[in-house]
Amino acid sequence: MATQTVEGSSRSGRPKRTNAGNLLKPLN
């Protein structure tokens, strides 16, 4: 689940609405 959300956000280039988005922001 978590991996899928992260992959989806990375693919679209836009954080959906979960911790993945918050994690992707600092990562970038």
Protein backbone atom coordinates (compact mmCIF):
# COMPACT_ATOMS: atom_id res chain seq x y z
CA MET A 1 0.00 0.00 0.00
CA ALA A 2 2.60 2.54 1.08
CA THR A 3 4.85 1.61 -1.83
CA GLN A 4 1.98 1.98 -4.28
CA THR A 5 1.08 5.45 -3.02
CA VAL A 6 4.70 6.57 -3.21
CA GLU A 7 5.09 5.18 -6.72
CA GLY A 8 1.86 6.79 -7.87
CA SER A 9 2.87 10.18 -6.47
CA SER A 10 6.34 9.91 -7.99
CA ARG A 11 4.82 8.97 -11.36
CA SER A 12 2.30 11.81 -11.41
CA GLY A 13 4.83 14.14 -9.84
CA ARG A 14 2.14 15.29 -7.39
CA PRO A 15 1.73 14.02 -3.81
CA LYS A 16 -1.75 12.54 -3.36
CA ARG A 17 -2.90 12.98 0.27
CA THR A 18 -0.96 10.81 2.75
CA ASN A 19 2.36 10.53 4.53
CA ALA A 20 3.83 9.74 1.11
CA GLY A 21 3.34 13.35 0.07
CA ASN A 22 4.99 14.65 3.23
CA LEU A 23 7.83 12.19 2.75
CA LEU A 24 8.27 13.07 -0.91
CA LYS A 25 8.53 16.78 -0.17
CA PRO A 26 11.59 16.51 2.12
CA LEU A 27 13.06 13.88 -0.18
CA ASN A 28 13.00 16.25 -3.11
